[in-house]
C-alpha atoms as a PDB file:
ATOM      1  CA  MET A   1       6.377 -11.704  -8.698  1.00  0.00           C
ATOM      2  CA  ILE A   2       7.580  -8.375  -9.395  1.00  0.00           C
ATOM      3  CA  SER A   3       5.280  -5.198  -8.912  1.00  0.00           C
ATOM      4  CA  ILE A   4       4.750  -2.695 -11.662  1.00  0.00           C
ATOM      5  CA  GLU A   5       6.344   0.085  -9.135  1.00  0.00           C
ATOM      6  CA  ASP A   6       9.556  -2.139  -8.880  1.00  0.00           C
ATOM      7  CA  MET A   7       9.720  -2.590 -12.636  1.00  0.00           C
ATOM      8  CA  PHE A   8       9.788   1.035 -13.109  1.00  0.00           C
ATOM      9  CA  LYS A   9      11.849   1.957 -10.133  1.00  0.00           C
ATOM     10  CA  ASP A  10      14.471   3.671 -12.443  1.00  0.00           C
ATOM     11  CA  LYS A  11      12.066   6.169 -13.816  1.00  0.00           C
ATOM     12  CA  GLU A  12      11.290   9.664 -12.356  1.00  0.00           C
ATOM     13  CA  LYS A  13       8.548   9.942 -10.035  1.00  0.00           C
ATOM     14  CA  ILE A  14       5.947  12.717  -9.226  1.00  0.00           C
ATOM     15  CA  ILE A  15       3.703  13.432  -6.398  1.00  0.00           C
ATOM     16  CA  LEU A  16       0.189  14.806  -7.055  1.00  0.00           C
ATOM     17  CA  ASN A  17      -2.073  16.226  -4.612  1.00  0.00           C
ATOM     18  CA  GLY A  18      -5.682  17.802  -4.488  1.00  0.00           C
ATOM     19  CA  LYS A  19      -6.944  19.359  -7.570  1.00  0.00           C
ATOM     20  CA  ARG A  20      -3.737  18.125  -9.887  1.00  0.00           C
ATOM     21  CA  LEU A  21      -4.424  14.718  -8.586  1.00  0.00           C
ATOM     22  CA  GLU A  22      -8.061  14.676  -9.162  1.00  0.00           C
ATOM     23  CA  GLN A  23      -7.458  16.163 -12.959  1.00  0.00           C
ATOM     24  CA  PHE A  24      -4.793  13.549 -13.824  1.00  0.00           C
ATOM     25  CA  LEU A  25      -7.009  10.728 -12.584  1.00  0.00           C
ATOM     26  CA  ASN A  26      -9.815  12.217 -15.177  1.00  0.00           C
ATOM     27  CA  GLY A  27      -7.400  12.020 -17.786  1.00  0.00           C
ATOM     28  CA  VAL A  28      -6.630  15.850 -17.968  1.00  0.00           C
ATOM     29  CA  LYS A  29      -2.976  16.649 -19.150  1.00  0.00           C
ATOM     30  CA  LEU A  30      -0.956  18.453 -16.536  1.00  0.00           C
ATOM     31  CA  ASN A  31       2.001  20.804 -16.971  1.00  0.00           C
ATOM     32  CA  CYS A  32       5.300  19.350 -15.601  1.00  0.00           C
ATOM     33  CA  ASN A  33       8.947  19.690 -15.760  1.00  0.00           C
ATOM     34  CA  LEU A  34       9.945  15.962 -16.237  1.00  0.00           C
ATOM     35  CA  GLN A  35      12.049  14.269 -18.952  1.00  0.00           C
ATOM     36  CA  ASP A  36       9.959  12.848 -22.017  1.00  0.00           C
ATOM     37  CA  GLY A  37       8.970   9.150 -21.211  1.00  0.00           C
ATOM     38  CA  ILE A  38       7.289   7.273 -18.557  1.00  0.00           C
ATOM     39  CA  CYS A  39       7.098   8.239 -14.880  1.00  0.00           C
ATOM     40  CA  ARG A  40       5.604   6.833 -11.629  1.00  0.00           C
ATOM     41  CA  VAL A  41       2.901   8.549 -10.066  1.00  0.00           C
ATOM     42  CA  TYR A  42       2.286   8.778  -6.353  1.00  0.00           C
ATOM     43  CA  ASN A  43      -0.547  10.690  -4.270  1.00  0.00           C
ATOM     44  CA  GLY A  44       0.379  12.849  -1.123  1.00  0.00           C
ATOM     45  CA  ASP A  45       0.541   9.849   0.989  1.00  0.00           C
ATOM     46  CA  LYS A  46       3.219   8.526  -1.145  1.00  0.00           C
ATOM     47  CA  THR A  47       1.148   5.753  -2.349  1.00  0.00           C
ATOM     48  CA  PHE A  48       1.993   4.490  -5.789  1.00  0.00           C
ATOM     49  CA  LEU A  49      -1.073   5.177  -8.254  1.00  0.00           C
ATOM     50  CA  GLY A  50       0.387   3.885 -11.394  1.00  0.00           C
ATOM     51  CA  LEU A  51       2.336   5.278 -14.311  1.00  0.00           C
ATOM     52  CA  GLY A  52       2.177   8.430 -16.272  1.00  0.00           C
ATOM     53  CA  GLU A  53       3.497   9.500 -19.784  1.00  0.00           C
ATOM     54  CA  VAL A  54       5.293  12.764 -20.270  1.00  0.00           C
ATOM     55  CA  LYS A  55       5.779  14.332 -23.617  1.00  0.00           C
ATOM     56  CA  LYS A  56       6.711  17.970 -24.227  1.00  0.00           C
ATOM     57  CA  ASN A  57       6.286  18.940 -20.631  1.00  0.00           C
ATOM     58  CA  LYS A  58       2.779  17.400 -20.536  1.00  0.00           C
ATOM     59  CA  LEU A  59       1.849  14.581 -18.158  1.00  0.00           C
ATOM     60  CA  LYS A  60      -0.894  12.237 -19.032  1.00  0.00           C
ATOM     61  CA  ARG A  61      -2.232   9.203 -17.415  1.00  0.00           C
ATOM     62  CA  ASP A  62      -0.805   5.901 -18.673  1.00  0.00           C
ATOM     63  CA  VAL A  63      -1.458   2.840 -16.325  1.00  0.00           C
ATOM     64  CA  ILE A  64      -3.415   3.366 -12.997  1.00  0.00           C
ATOM     65  CA  ILE A  65      -3.827   0.421 -10.765  1.00  0.00           C
END
């Protein structure tokens, strides 16, 4: 079985900490400088949290595991 993290290993990643992490987990769209599309989201301990979607420099929560 392949993990979600491994399925999307070719996508960009972003590491979120503190308030930005809390906002992301609560559904707030965050400013970011990533290309539009799916990205992998990690916390400060580099633990995979799930996937986010970037559109027009805004990151929103997609799939959280």
